[in-house]
Amino acid sequence: MKKSVGWWGLLLWALAAPVAAQQAETATGTGETVSPRFGLRYTTEGAGYDPFASVEAFLPLFETPGSNLTFMEGRLLLSSKSA
């Protein structure tokens, strides 16, 4: 049995799902850096929402290991409804 996901639930999920706080577990100056991340996702049709695909990216721009991180994050949503 499928549950209906309303627009507010989908919006909340879209905003909260990829967000994860990263804690520096190593000492400053150890040389470990944050890597870029990319993702592709396809969601099939269900009760109350249309199918769509998404492309996501996380790109670190400037970083002081263990201290500061400046990054760019983007998401592109593509509707795949044919009608």
PDB file of N, CA and C in Angstrom:
ATOM      1  N   MET A   1       0.840  -1.177   0.000  1.00  0.00           N
ATOM      2  CA  MET A   1       0.000   0.000   0.000  1.00  0.00           C
ATOM      3  C   MET A   1       0.885   1.241   0.000  1.00  0.00           C
ATOM      4  N   LYS A   2       0.630   2.163  -0.933  1.00  0.00           N
ATOM      5  CA  LYS A   2       1.424   3.379  -1.033  1.00  0.00           C
ATOM      6  C   LYS A   2       0.769   4.484  -0.229  1.00  0.00           C
ATOM      7  N   LYS A   3       1.592   5.283   0.422  1.00  0.00           N
ATOM      8  CA  LYS A   3       1.094   6.438   1.155  1.00  0.00           C
ATOM      9  C   LYS A   3       1.188   7.664   0.269  1.00  0.00           C
ATOM     10  N   SER A   4       0.248   8.551   0.395  1.00  0.00           N
ATOM     11  CA  SER A   4       0.263   9.796  -0.345  1.00  0.00           C
ATOM     12  C   SER A   4       1.211  10.785   0.329  1.00  0.00           C
ATOM     13  N   VAL A   5       2.080  11.370  -0.464  1.00  0.00           N
ATOM     14  CA  VAL A   5       3.005  12.374   0.051  1.00  0.00           C
ATOM     15  C   VAL A   5       2.566  13.723  -0.502  1.00  0.00           C
ATOM     16  N   GLY A   6       2.172  14.626   0.378  1.00  0.00           N
ATOM     17  CA  GLY A   6       1.723  15.939  -0.054  1.00  0.00           C
ATOM     18  C   GLY A   6       2.892  16.801  -0.494  1.00  0.00           C
ATOM     19  N   TRP A   7       2.581  17.934  -1.115  1.00  0.00           N
ATOM     20  CA  TRP A   7       3.611  18.859  -1.592  1.00  0.00           C
ATOM     21  C   TRP A   7       4.478  19.354  -0.447  1.00  0.00           C
ATOM     22  N   TRP A   8       3.860  19.613   0.716  1.00  0.00           N
ATOM     23  CA  TRP A   8       4.647  20.102   1.853  1.00  0.00           C
ATOM     24  C   TRP A   8       5.621  19.041   2.342  1.00  0.00           C
ATOM     25  N   GLY A   9       5.181  17.801   2.366  1.00  0.00           N
ATOM     26  CA  GLY A   9       6.053  16.719   2.782  1.00  0.00           C
ATOM     27  C   GLY A   9       7.201  16.516   1.807  1.00  0.00           C
ATOM     28  N   LEU A  10       6.896  16.602   0.499  1.00  0.00           N
ATOM     29  CA  LEU A  10       7.919  16.463  -0.523  1.00  0.00           C
ATOM     30  C   LEU A  10       8.913  17.622  -0.451  1.00  0.00           C
ATOM     31  N   LEU A  11       8.413  18.832  -0.246  1.00  0.00           N
ATOM     32  CA  LEU A  11       9.282  20.002  -0.125  1.00  0.00           C
ATOM     33  C   LEU A  11      10.168  19.887   1.105  1.00  0.00           C
ATOM     34  N   LEU A  12       9.594  19.487   2.224  1.00  0.00           N
ATOM     35  CA  LEU A  12      10.376  19.317   3.447  1.00  0.00           C
ATOM     36  C   LEU A  12      11.441  18.254   3.263  1.00  0.00           C
ATOM     37  N   TRP A  13      11.086  17.146   2.621  1.00  0.00           N
ATOM     38  CA  TRP A  13      12.058  16.094   2.365  1.00  0.00           C
ATOM     39  C   TRP A  13      13.174  16.597   1.458  1.00  0.00           C
ATOM     40  N   ALA A  14      12.822  17.349   0.405  1.00  0.00           N
ATOM     41  CA  ALA A  14      13.818  17.851  -0.541  1.00  0.00           C
ATOM     42  C   ALA A  14      14.789  18.809   0.128  1.00  0.00           C
ATOM     43  N   LEU A  15      14.301  19.592   1.080  1.00  0.00           N
ATOM     44  CA  LEU A  15      15.167  20.541   1.754  1.00  0.00           C
ATOM     45  C   LEU A  15      16.018  19.880   2.829  1.00  0.00           C
ATOM     46  N   ALA A  16      15.490  18.872   3.488  1.00  0.00           N
ATOM     47  CA  ALA A  16      16.186  18.286   4.634  1.00  0.00           C
ATOM     48  C   ALA A  16      17.022  17.055   4.286  1.00  0.00           C
ATOM     49  N   ALA A  17      16.661  16.307   3.260  1.00  0.00           N
ATOM     50  CA  ALA A  17      17.328  15.042   2.977  1.00  0.00           C
ATOM     51  C   ALA A  17      18.822  15.174   2.686  1.00  0.00           C
ATOM     52  N   PRO A  18      19.249  16.085   1.802  1.00  0.00           N
ATOM     53  CA  PRO A  18      20.678  16.118   1.507  1.00  0.00           C
ATOM     54  C   PRO A  18      21.519  16.875   2.522  1.00  0.00           C
ATOM     55  N   VAL A  19      20.877  17.510   3.478  1.00  0.00           N
ATOM     56  CA  VAL A  19      21.611  18.314   4.444  1.00  0.00           C
ATOM     57  C   VAL A  19      22.090  17.439   5.589  1.00  0.00           C
ATOM     58  N   ALA A  20      23.374  17.414   5.787  1.00  0.00           N
ATOM     59  CA  ALA A  20      23.962  16.661   6.890  1.00  0.00           C
ATOM     60  C   ALA A  20      25.157  17.449   7.414  1.00  0.00           C
ATOM     61  N   ALA A  21      25.137  17.749   8.675  1.00  0.00           N
ATOM     62  CA  ALA A  21      26.239  18.503   9.278  1.00  0.00           C
ATOM     63  C   ALA A  21      27.485  17.634   9.306  1.00  0.00           C
ATOM     64  N   GLN A  22      28.587  18.229   8.929  1.00  0.00           N
ATOM     65  CA  GLN A  22      29.845  17.501   8.948  1.00  0.00           C
ATOM     66  C   GLN A  22      30.695  18.065  10.071  1.00  0.00           C
ATOM     67  N   GLN A  23      31.010  17.211  11.017  1.00  0.00           N
ATOM     68  CA  GLN A  23      31.836  17.605  12.148  1.00  0.00           C
ATOM     69  C   GLN A  23      33.285  17.261  11.846  1.00  0.00           C
ATOM     70  N   ALA A  24      34.187  18.181  12.138  1.00  0.00           N
ATOM     71  CA  ALA A  24      35.617  17.918  11.951  1.00  0.00           C
ATOM     72  C   ALA A  24      36.080  17.015  13.085  1.00  0.00           C
ATOM     73  N   GLU A  25      36.429  15.770  12.755  1.00  0.00           N
ATOM     74  CA  GLU A  25      36.846  14.805  13.766  1.00  0.00           C
ATOM     75  C   GLU A  25      38.359  14.755  13.908  1.00  0.00           C
ATOM     76  N   THR A  26      39.048  15.476  13.030  1.00  0.00           N
ATOM     77  CA  THR A  26      40.503  15.451  13.084  1.00  0.00           C
ATOM     78  C   THR A  26      41.014  16.820  13.484  1.00  0.00           C
ATOM     79  N   ALA A  27      42.241  16.864  13.881  1.00  0.00           N
ATOM     80  CA  ALA A  27      42.856  18.122  14.288  1.00  0.00           C
ATOM     81  C   ALA A  27      43.112  18.997  13.068  1.00  0.00           C
ATOM     82  N   THR A  28      43.130  20.304  13.270  1.00  0.00           N
ATOM     83  CA  THR A  28      43.392  21.247  12.194  1.00  0.00           C
ATOM     84  C   THR A  28      44.792  21.023  11.644  1.00  0.00           C
ATOM     85  N   GLY A  29      44.888  21.057  10.315  1.00  0.00           N
ATOM     86  CA  GLY A  29      46.192  20.935   9.696  1.00  0.00           C
ATOM     87  C   GLY A  29      46.594  19.516   9.342  1.00  0.00           C
ATOM     88  N   THR A  30      45.683  18.560   9.419  1.00  0.00           N
ATOM     89  CA  THR A  30      46.033  17.176   9.092  1.00  0.00           C
ATOM     90  C   THR A  30      45.970  16.928   7.600  1.00  0.00           C
ATOM     91  N   GLY A  31      45.431  17.870   6.828  1.00  0.00           N
ATOM     92  CA  GLY A  31      45.409  17.724   5.386  1.00  0.00           C
ATOM     93  C   GLY A  31      44.171  17.050   4.825  1.00  0.00           C
ATOM     94  N   GLU A  32      43.240  16.606   5.652  1.00  0.00           N
ATOM     95  CA  GLU A  32      42.020  15.982   5.145  1.00  0.00           C
ATOM     96  C   GLU A  32      41.078  17.071   4.656  1.00  0.00           C
ATOM     97  N   THR A  33      40.500  16.844   3.482  1.00  0.00           N
ATOM     98  CA  THR A  33      39.585  17.819   2.897  1.00  0.00           C
ATOM     99  C   THR A  33      38.249  17.164   2.572  1.00  0.00           C
ATOM    100  N   VAL A  34      37.256  17.988   2.315  1.00  0.00           N
ATOM    101  CA  VAL A  34      35.925  17.519   1.948  1.00  0.00           C
ATOM    102  C   VAL A  34      35.905  17.313   0.433  1.00  0.00           C
ATOM    103  N   SER A  35      35.402  16.182  -0.007  1.00  0.00           N
ATOM    104  CA  SER A  35      35.363  15.844  -1.430  1.00  0.00           C
ATOM    105  C   SER A  35      34.063  16.321  -2.068  1.00  0.00           C
ATOM    106  N   PRO A  36      34.098  16.631  -3.369  1.00  0.00           N
ATOM    107  CA  PRO A  36      32.858  16.957  -4.075  1.00  0.00           C
ATOM    108  C   PRO A  36      31.968  15.716  -4.176  1.00  0.00           C
ATOM    109  N   ARG A  37      30.662  15.942  -4.245  1.00  0.00           N
ATOM    110  CA  ARG A  37      29.706  14.837  -4.351  1.00  0.00           C
ATOM    111  C   ARG A  37      28.701  15.150  -5.451  1.00  0.00           C
ATOM    112  N   PHE A  38      28.320  14.113  -6.184  1.00  0.00           N
ATOM    113  CA  PHE A  38      27.344  14.248  -7.256  1.00  0.00           C
ATOM    114  C   PHE A  38      26.329  13.125  -7.129  1.00  0.00           C
ATOM    115  N   GLY A  39      25.099  13.384  -7.568  1.00  0.00           N
ATOM    116  CA  GLY A  39      24.083  12.351  -7.468  1.00  0.00           C
ATOM    117  C   GLY A  39      23.020  12.488  -8.539  1.00  0.00           C
ATOM    118  N   LEU A  40      22.472  11.361  -8.921  1.00  0.00           N
ATOM    119  CA  LEU A  40      21.339  11.280  -9.839  1.00  0.00           C
ATOM    120  C   LEU A  40      20.246  10.501  -9.135  1.00  0.00           C
ATOM    121  N   ARG A  41      19.010  10.924  -9.321  1.00  0.00           N
ATOM    122  CA  ARG A  41      17.893  10.251  -8.659  1.00  0.00           C
ATOM    123  C   ARG A  41      16.679  10.281  -9.585  1.00  0.00           C
ATOM    124  N   TYR A  42      15.919   9.212  -9.569  1.00  0.00           N
ATOM    125  CA  TYR A  42      14.661   9.163 -10.315  1.00  0.00           C
ATOM    126  C   TYR A  42      13.576   8.663  -9.380  1.00  0.00           C
ATOM    127  N   THR A  43      12.500   9.420  -9.299  1.00  0.00           N
ATOM    128  CA  THR A  43      11.361   9.064  -8.457  1.00  0.00           C
ATOM    129  C   THR A  43      10.190   8.698  -9.364  1.00  0.00           C
ATOM    130  N   THR A  44       9.624   7.521  -9.145  1.00  0.00           N
ATOM    131  CA  THR A  44       8.520   7.064  -9.986  1.00  0.00           C
ATOM    132  C   THR A  44       7.208   7.694  -9.551  1.00  0.00           C
ATOM    133  N   GLU A  45       6.221   7.545 -10.393  1.00  0.00           N
ATOM    134  CA  GLU A  45       4.888   8.107 -10.131  1.00  0.00           C
ATOM    135  C   GLU A  45       4.257   7.401  -8.940  1.00  0.00           C
ATOM    136  N   GLY A  46       3.560   8.178  -8.132  1.00  0.00           N
ATOM    137  CA  GLY A  46       2.858   7.621  -6.985  1.00  0.00           C
ATOM    138  C   GLY A  46       1.575   8.376  -6.750  1.00  0.00           C
ATOM    139  N   ALA A  47       0.896   8.043  -5.687  1.00  0.00           N
ATOM    140  CA  ALA A  47      -0.373   8.697  -5.366  1.00  0.00           C
ATOM    141  C   ALA A  47      -0.118  10.153  -4.991  1.00  0.00           C
ATOM    142  N   GLY A  48      -0.576  11.057  -5.818  1.00  0.00           N
ATOM    143  CA  GLY A  48      -0.493  12.477  -5.497  1.00  0.00           C
ATOM    144  C   GLY A  48       0.718  13.203  -6.041  1.00  0.00           C
ATOM    145  N   TYR A  49       1.629  12.528  -6.722  1.00  0.00           N
ATOM    146  CA  TYR A  49       2.766  13.246  -7.299  1.00  0.00           C
ATOM    147  C   TYR A  49       3.201  12.595  -8.607  1.00  0.00           C
ATOM    148  N   ASP A  50       3.814  13.400  -9.459  1.00  0.00           N
ATOM    149  CA  ASP A  50       4.256  12.948 -10.771  1.00  0.00           C
ATOM    150  C   ASP A  50       5.707  12.463 -10.709  1.00  0.00           C
ATOM    151  N   PRO A  51       6.115  11.646 -11.673  1.00  0.00           N
ATOM    152  CA  PRO A  51       7.504  11.192 -11.697  1.00  0.00           C
ATOM    153  C   PRO A  51       8.452  12.336 -12.049  1.00  0.00           C
ATOM    154  N   PHE A  52       9.661  12.310 -11.485  1.00  0.00           N
ATOM    155  CA  PHE A  52      10.654  13.321 -11.817  1.00  0.00           C
ATOM    156  C   PHE A  52      12.054  12.770 -11.589  1.00  0.00           C
ATOM    157  N   ALA A  53      13.002  13.416 -12.215  1.00  0.00           N
ATOM    158  CA  ALA A  53      14.408  13.068 -12.049  1.00  0.00           C
ATOM    159  C   ALA A  53      15.117  14.267 -11.435  1.00  0.00           C
ATOM    160  N   SER A  54      16.201  14.010 -10.714  1.00  0.00           N
ATOM    161  CA  SER A  54      16.964  15.109 -10.142  1.00  0.00           C
ATOM    162  C   SER A  54      18.455  14.838 -10.285  1.00  0.00           C
ATOM    163  N   VAL A  55      19.193  15.925 -10.445  1.00  0.00           N
ATOM    164  CA  VAL A  55      20.649  15.900 -10.496  1.00  0.00           C
ATOM    165  C   VAL A  55      21.114  16.814  -9.374  1.00  0.00           C
ATOM    166  N   GLU A  56      21.998  16.319  -8.515  1.00  0.00           N
ATOM    167  CA  GLU A  56      22.454  17.090  -7.365  1.00  0.00           C
ATOM    168  C   GLU A  56      23.973  17.160  -7.361  1.00  0.00           C
ATOM    169  N   ALA A  57      24.509  18.275  -6.846  1.00  0.00           N
ATOM    170  CA  ALA A  57      25.957  18.433  -6.768  1.00  0.00           C
ATOM    171  C   ALA A  57      26.328  19.217  -5.517  1.00  0.00           C
ATOM    172  N   PHE A  58      27.446  18.849  -4.909  1.00  0.00           N
ATOM    173  CA  PHE A  58      28.030  19.551  -3.770  1.00  0.00           C
ATOM    174  C   PHE A  58      29.495  19.789  -4.125  1.00  0.00           C
ATOM    175  N   LEU A  59      29.886  21.063  -4.233  1.00  0.00           N
ATOM    176  CA  LEU A  59      31.245  21.402  -4.630  1.00  0.00           C
ATOM    177  C   LEU A  59      31.902  22.286  -3.579  1.00  0.00           C
ATOM    178  N   PRO A  60      32.927  21.793  -2.907  1.00  0.00           N
ATOM    179  CA  PRO A  60      33.657  22.653  -1.977  1.00  0.00           C
ATOM    180  C   PRO A  60      34.494  23.662  -2.772  1.00  0.00           C
ATOM    181  N   LEU A  61      34.400  24.946  -2.429  1.00  0.00           N
ATOM    182  CA  LEU A  61      35.129  25.990  -3.140  1.00  0.00           C
ATOM    183  C   LEU A  61      36.420  26.369  -2.423  1.00  0.00           C
ATOM    184  N   PHE A  62      36.295  26.762  -1.164  1.00  0.00           N
ATOM    185  CA  PHE A  62      37.447  27.140  -0.346  1.00  0.00           C
ATOM    186  C   PHE A  62      37.349  26.412   0.986  1.00  0.00           C
ATOM    187  N   GLU A  63      38.472  25.921   1.472  1.00  0.00           N
ATOM    188  CA  GLU A  63      38.428  25.156   2.710  1.00  0.00           C
ATOM    189  C   GLU A  63      39.697  25.359   3.535  1.00  0.00           C
ATOM    190  N   THR A  64      39.490  25.536   4.810  1.00  0.00           N
ATOM    191  CA  THR A  64      40.568  25.462   5.790  1.00  0.00           C
ATOM    192  C   THR A  64      40.297  24.175   6.558  1.00  0.00           C
ATOM    193  N   PRO A  65      41.080  23.111   6.318  1.00  0.00           N
ATOM    194  CA  PRO A  65      40.775  21.804   6.918  1.00  0.00           C
ATOM    195  C   PRO A  65      40.544  21.871   8.426  1.00  0.00           C
ATOM    196  N   GLY A  66      39.431  21.330   8.846  1.00  0.00           N
ATOM    197  CA  GLY A  66      39.080  21.294  10.261  1.00  0.00           C
ATOM    198  C   GLY A  66      38.511  22.591  10.798  1.00  0.00           C
ATOM    199  N   SER A  67      38.354  23.627   9.942  1.00  0.00           N
ATOM    200  CA  SER A  67      37.904  24.912  10.445  1.00  0.00           C
ATOM    201  C   SER A  67      36.754  25.500   9.626  1.00  0.00           C
ATOM    202  N   ASN A  68      37.014  25.901   8.375  1.00  0.00           N
ATOM    203  CA  ASN A  68      36.016  26.589   7.549  1.00  0.00           C
ATOM    204  C   ASN A  68      35.820  25.868   6.223  1.00  0.00           C
ATOM    205  N   LEU A  69      34.608  26.008   5.690  1.00  0.00           N
ATOM    206  CA  LEU A  69      34.299  25.434   4.385  1.00  0.00           C
ATOM    207  C   LEU A  69      33.318  26.351   3.671  1.00  0.00           C
ATOM    208  N   THR A  70      33.691  26.773   2.463  1.00  0.00           N
ATOM    209  CA  THR A  70      32.792  27.526   1.596  1.00  0.00           C
ATOM    210  C   THR A  70      32.448  26.586   0.451  1.00  0.00           C
ATOM    211  N   PHE A  71      31.161  26.411   0.173  1.00  0.00           N
ATOM    212  CA  PHE A  71      30.762  25.425  -0.814  1.00  0.00           C
ATOM    213  C   PHE A  71      29.600  25.929  -1.649  1.00  0.00           C
ATOM    214  N   MET A  72      29.348  25.231  -2.752  1.00  0.00           N
ATOM    215  CA  MET A  72      28.202  25.510  -3.616  1.00  0.00           C
ATOM    216  C   MET A  72      27.426  24.196  -3.730  1.00  0.00           C
ATOM    217  N   GLU A  73      26.122  24.297  -3.575  1.00  0.00           N
ATOM    218  CA  GLU A  73      25.268  23.113  -3.661  1.00  0.00           C
ATOM    219  C   GLU A  73      24.134  23.425  -4.623  1.00  0.00           C
ATOM    220  N   GLY A  74      23.850  22.513  -5.514  1.00  0.00           N
ATOM    221  CA  GLY A  74      22.789  22.750  -6.488  1.00  0.00           C
ATOM    222  C   GLY A  74      21.963  21.513  -6.739  1.00  0.00           C
ATOM    223  N   ARG A  75      20.742  21.748  -7.203  1.00  0.00           N
ATOM    224  CA  ARG A  75      19.840  20.651  -7.528  1.00  0.00           C
ATOM    225  C   ARG A  75      18.991  21.068  -8.721  1.00  0.00           C
ATOM    226  N   LEU A  76      18.879  20.174  -9.683  1.00  0.00           N
ATOM    227  CA  LEU A  76      18.057  20.401 -10.860  1.00  0.00           C
ATOM    228  C   LEU A  76      16.978  19.326 -10.861  1.00  0.00           C
ATOM    229  N   LEU A  77      15.711  19.739 -10.860  1.00  0.00           N
ATOM    230  CA  LEU A  77      14.585  18.804 -10.900  1.00  0.00           C
ATOM    231  C   LEU A  77      13.962  18.824 -12.294  1.00  0.00           C
ATOM    232  N   LEU A  78      13.782  17.659 -12.878  1.00  0.00           N
ATOM    233  CA  LEU A  78      13.240  17.530 -14.229  1.00  0.00           C
ATOM    234  C   LEU A  78      11.979  16.688 -14.181  1.00  0.00           C
ATOM    235  N   SER A  79      10.873  17.263 -14.615  1.00  0.00           N
ATOM    236  CA  SER A  79       9.614  16.515 -14.682  1.00  0.00           C
ATOM    237  C   SER A  79       9.684  15.549 -15.847  1.00  0.00           C
ATOM    238  N   SER A  80       9.238  14.322 -15.620  1.00  0.00           N
ATOM    239  CA  SER A  80       9.247  13.335 -16.687  1.00  0.00           C
ATOM    240  C   SER A  80       7.837  12.908 -17.082  1.00  0.00           C
ATOM    241  N   LYS A  81       6.864  13.726 -16.701  1.00  0.00           N
ATOM    242  CA  LYS A  81       5.488  13.428 -17.068  1.00  0.00           C
ATOM    243  C   LYS A  81       5.316  13.691 -18.564  1.00  0.00           C
ATOM    244  N   SER A  82       4.835  12.714 -19.288  1.00  0.00           N
ATOM    245  CA  SER A  82       4.736  12.835 -20.739  1.00  0.00           C
ATOM    246  C   SER A  82       3.445  13.487 -21.201  1.00  0.00           C
ATOM    247  N   ALA A  83       2.459  13.618 -20.347  1.00  0.00           N
ATOM    248  CA  ALA A  83       1.172  14.186 -20.786  1.00  0.00           C
ATOM    249  C   ALA A  83       1.017  15.620 -20.355  1.00  0.00           C
TER     250      ALA A  83
END
